């Protein structure tokens, strides 16, 4: 059964179709919320809030975009609301680094390269964690997840020029942070 059929069944009250939609999208929603809020517990809460919002509003989903696009918008809104409530709750890289969450590397396993890769990852993660959530969302959607400028704008309800402006500012900020880290 394809996604459109599942959505239509879920809209009609089919709980198994709704459960399948949640199951198929939970990893994507969690990963995106974690990239924005940088806190596993908060990402879990936002994932739950996102699916509650999805369940309440599924009848409003018009199908003109992918379901994931719609879910990214909901996650973005929940992350921004959480950030505004508790501006100082986002984890620094050092706190985040304590979390046992390793991503497999496609780079060479040569020890010196591994050290350099870890250092570069640390510098980049640190710089990304310093971005404001408004810029972090745009950067992650556009440069990490590979959405087009238009798709990013639809997801977070911004005009294309606003997305371009935020992305330019985010990239400039990251470039400055990385350059500063290499000067040390």
Protein backbone atom coordinates (compact mmCIF):
# COMPACT_ATOMS: atom_id res chain seq x y z
CA UNK A 1 0.00 0.00 0.00
CA UNK A 2 1.48 3.36 -0.98
CA UNK A 3 1.62 6.48 1.20
CA UNK A 4 -1.41 8.19 -0.40
CA UNK A 5 -3.57 5.13 0.22
CA UNK A 6 -2.36 4.94 3.83
CA UNK A 7 -3.15 8.61 4.36
CA UNK A 8 -6.64 8.24 2.91
CA UNK A 9 -7.33 5.20 5.10
CA UNK A 10 -5.95 7.01 8.16
CA UNK A 11 -8.18 10.02 7.42
CA UNK A 12 -11.16 7.64 7.44
CA UNK A 13 -10.19 6.33 10.88
CA UNK A 14 -8.14 3.26 10.02
CA UNK A 15 -5.89 2.94 13.07
CA UNK A 16 -3.55 0.41 11.49
CA UNK A 17 -2.91 2.77 8.55
CA UNK A 18 -2.23 5.59 10.99
CA UNK A 19 0.13 3.38 13.00
CA UNK A 20 1.97 2.43 9.82
CA UNK A 21 2.38 6.12 8.85
CA UNK A 22 3.83 6.86 12.28
CA UNK A 23 6.14 3.84 12.15
CA UNK A 24 7.39 4.73 8.66
CA UNK A 25 8.17 8.32 9.66
CA UNK A 26 9.30 8.11 13.29
CA UNK A 27 13.03 7.84 12.53
CA UNK A 28 12.93 10.77 10.09
CA UNK A 29 10.97 12.94 12.54
CA UNK A 30 13.23 12.04 15.47
CA UNK A 31 16.45 12.63 13.52
CA UNK A 32 15.28 15.99 12.25
CA UNK A 33 14.11 17.14 15.67
CA UNK A 34 17.40 15.98 17.22
CA UNK A 35 19.39 17.93 14.62
CA UNK A 36 17.44 21.06 15.52
CA UNK A 37 17.17 20.87 19.31
CA UNK A 38 20.38 18.86 19.96
CA UNK A 39 18.85 17.08 22.93
CA UNK A 40 17.66 13.44 22.77
CA UNK A 41 14.95 13.81 25.42
CA UNK A 42 13.62 16.99 23.84
CA UNK A 43 13.78 15.38 20.39
CA UNK A 44 11.71 12.47 21.72
CA UNK A 45 9.13 14.88 23.16
CA UNK A 46 8.97 16.85 19.94
CA UNK A 47 8.57 13.64 17.96
CA UNK A 48 5.58 12.71 20.14
CA UNK A 49 4.10 16.21 19.83
CA UNK A 50 4.59 16.06 16.07
CA UNK A 51 2.68 12.81 15.75
CA UNK A 52 -0.08 14.10 18.02
CA UNK A 53 -0.34 17.15 15.78
CA UNK A 54 -0.34 14.91 12.73
CA UNK A 55 -3.17 12.80 14.13
CA UNK A 56 -5.23 15.87 15.05
CA UNK A 57 -4.64 17.60 11.71
CA UNK A 58 -4.34 14.78 9.19
CA UNK A 59 -7.62 15.79 7.56
CA UNK A 60 -6.02 19.15 6.75
CA UNK A 61 -3.17 17.49 4.83
CA UNK A 62 -4.01 18.15 1.18
CA UNK A 63 -1.48 15.80 -0.41
CA UNK A 64 0.09 18.54 -2.56
CA UNK A 65 3.45 17.73 -0.97
CA UNK A 66 5.07 14.68 0.56
CA UNK A 67 3.94 13.73 4.03
CA UNK A 68 7.52 14.20 5.24
CA UNK A 69 7.49 17.79 4.00
CA UNK A 70 4.38 18.45 6.06
CA UNK A 71 5.91 16.68 9.07
CA UNK A 72 9.11 18.75 8.78
CA UNK A 73 6.96 21.88 9.07
CA UNK A 74 5.29 20.53 12.20
CA UNK A 75 8.66 19.53 13.73
CA UNK A 76 10.11 22.96 12.91
CA UNK A 77 7.21 24.70 14.60
CA UNK A 78 7.45 22.52 17.71
CA UNK A 79 11.24 22.99 17.91
CA UNK A 80 10.94 26.76 17.61
CA UNK A 81 8.21 26.88 20.24
CA UNK A 82 10.33 24.78 22.60
CA UNK A 83 13.35 26.98 21.94
CA UNK A 84 11.42 30.14 22.69
CA UNK A 85 10.14 28.64 25.93
CA UNK A 86 13.55 27.51 27.13
CA UNK A 87 16.27 29.34 25.21
CA UNK A 88 19.04 27.95 27.38
CA UNK A 89 17.99 24.29 27.21
CA UNK A 90 19.91 23.41 24.02
CA UNK A 91 22.95 21.24 24.65
CA UNK A 92 26.43 22.39 23.95
CA UNK A 93 28.58 20.11 21.86
CA UNK A 94 30.44 18.85 24.92
CA UNK A 95 27.20 17.74 26.58
CA UNK A 96 25.93 16.33 23.31
CA UNK A 97 29.19 14.45 22.80
CA UNK A 98 28.57 12.53 26.04
CA UNK A 99 25.59 10.88 24.38
CA UNK A 100 26.58 7.54 22.94
CA UNK A 101 25.43 8.16 19.41
CA UNK A 102 28.01 7.31 16.77
CA UNK A 103 27.38 7.59 13.08
CA UNK A 104 29.29 5.29 10.78
CA UNK A 105 32.06 6.97 8.82
CA UNK A 106 32.61 6.40 5.13
CA UNK A 107 36.06 7.90 5.36
CA UNK A 108 39.27 5.97 5.58
CA UNK A 109 40.01 4.13 8.80
CA UNK A 110 43.61 5.32 8.90
CA UNK A 111 44.21 6.44 12.52
CA UNK A 112 45.53 9.90 11.63
CA UNK A 113 42.54 10.47 9.35
CA UNK A 114 40.18 9.32 12.10
CA UNK A 115 41.65 11.88 14.50
CA UNK A 116 41.41 14.63 11.87
CA UNK A 117 37.85 13.56 10.99
CA UNK A 118 36.80 13.60 14.65
CA UNK A 119 38.33 17.04 15.12
CA UNK A 120 36.62 18.38 11.99
CA UNK A 121 33.29 16.84 13.07
CA UNK A 122 33.70 18.41 16.51
CA UNK A 123 34.39 21.85 15.01
CA UNK A 124 31.44 21.62 12.61
CA UNK A 125 29.03 20.27 15.25
CA UNK A 126 30.12 22.99 17.65
CA UNK A 127 29.55 25.66 15.01
CA UNK A 128 26.13 24.25 14.05
CA UNK A 129 25.07 24.12 17.71
CA UNK A 130 25.79 27.86 17.96
CA UNK A 131 23.40 28.71 15.12
CA UNK A 132 20.05 30.10 16.19
CA UNK A 133 17.25 27.56 15.60
CA UNK A 134 15.79 29.70 12.79
CA UNK A 135 19.06 29.45 10.86
CA UNK A 136 19.80 25.87 11.98
CA UNK A 137 16.48 24.63 10.56
CA UNK A 138 17.15 26.24 7.17
CA UNK A 139 20.75 24.99 7.10
CA UNK A 140 19.79 21.42 8.00
CA UNK A 141 16.89 21.23 5.55
CA UNK A 142 18.85 22.79 2.70
CA UNK A 143 22.47 21.71 3.14
CA UNK A 144 22.19 18.53 5.22
CA UNK A 145 18.92 17.00 4.00
CA UNK A 146 19.28 18.36 0.45
CA UNK A 147 15.90 20.04 0.02
CA UNK A 148 15.65 22.75 -2.62
CA UNK A 149 15.22 26.37 -1.60
CA UNK A 150 11.57 26.21 -2.67
CA UNK A 151 10.90 23.02 -0.71
CA UNK A 152 12.62 24.45 2.37
CA UNK A 153 10.45 27.55 2.12
CA UNK A 154 7.29 25.45 1.93
CA UNK A 155 8.33 23.32 4.89
CA UNK A 156 8.96 26.25 7.21
CA UNK A 157 6.51 28.68 5.60
CA UNK A 158 9.08 31.22 4.38
CA UNK A 159 9.50 32.95 1.05
CA UNK A 160 12.36 31.85 -1.21
CA UNK A 161 14.26 35.13 -0.60
CA UNK A 162 13.91 34.65 3.18
CA UNK A 163 15.25 31.09 2.92
CA UNK A 164 18.18 32.29 0.81
CA UNK A 165 18.91 35.08 3.27
CA UNK A 166 18.86 32.77 6.30
CA UNK A 167 20.95 30.18 4.50
CA UNK A 168 23.51 32.80 3.46
CA UNK A 169 23.72 34.07 7.04
CA UNK A 170 23.98 30.53 8.45
CA UNK A 171 26.76 29.63 6.02
CA UNK A 172 28.63 32.87 6.76
CA UNK A 173 28.33 32.24 10.49
CA UNK A 174 29.57 28.65 10.11
CA UNK A 175 32.44 29.75 7.87
CA UNK A 176 33.51 32.34 10.46
CA UNK A 177 33.25 29.82 13.31
CA UNK A 178 35.26 27.19 11.43
CA UNK A 179 37.90 29.72 10.39
CA UNK A 180 38.18 30.89 14.01
CA UNK A 181 38.57 27.31 15.21
CA UNK A 182 41.45 26.72 12.78
CA UNK A 183 43.22 29.90 13.92
CA UNK A 184 43.48 28.57 17.49
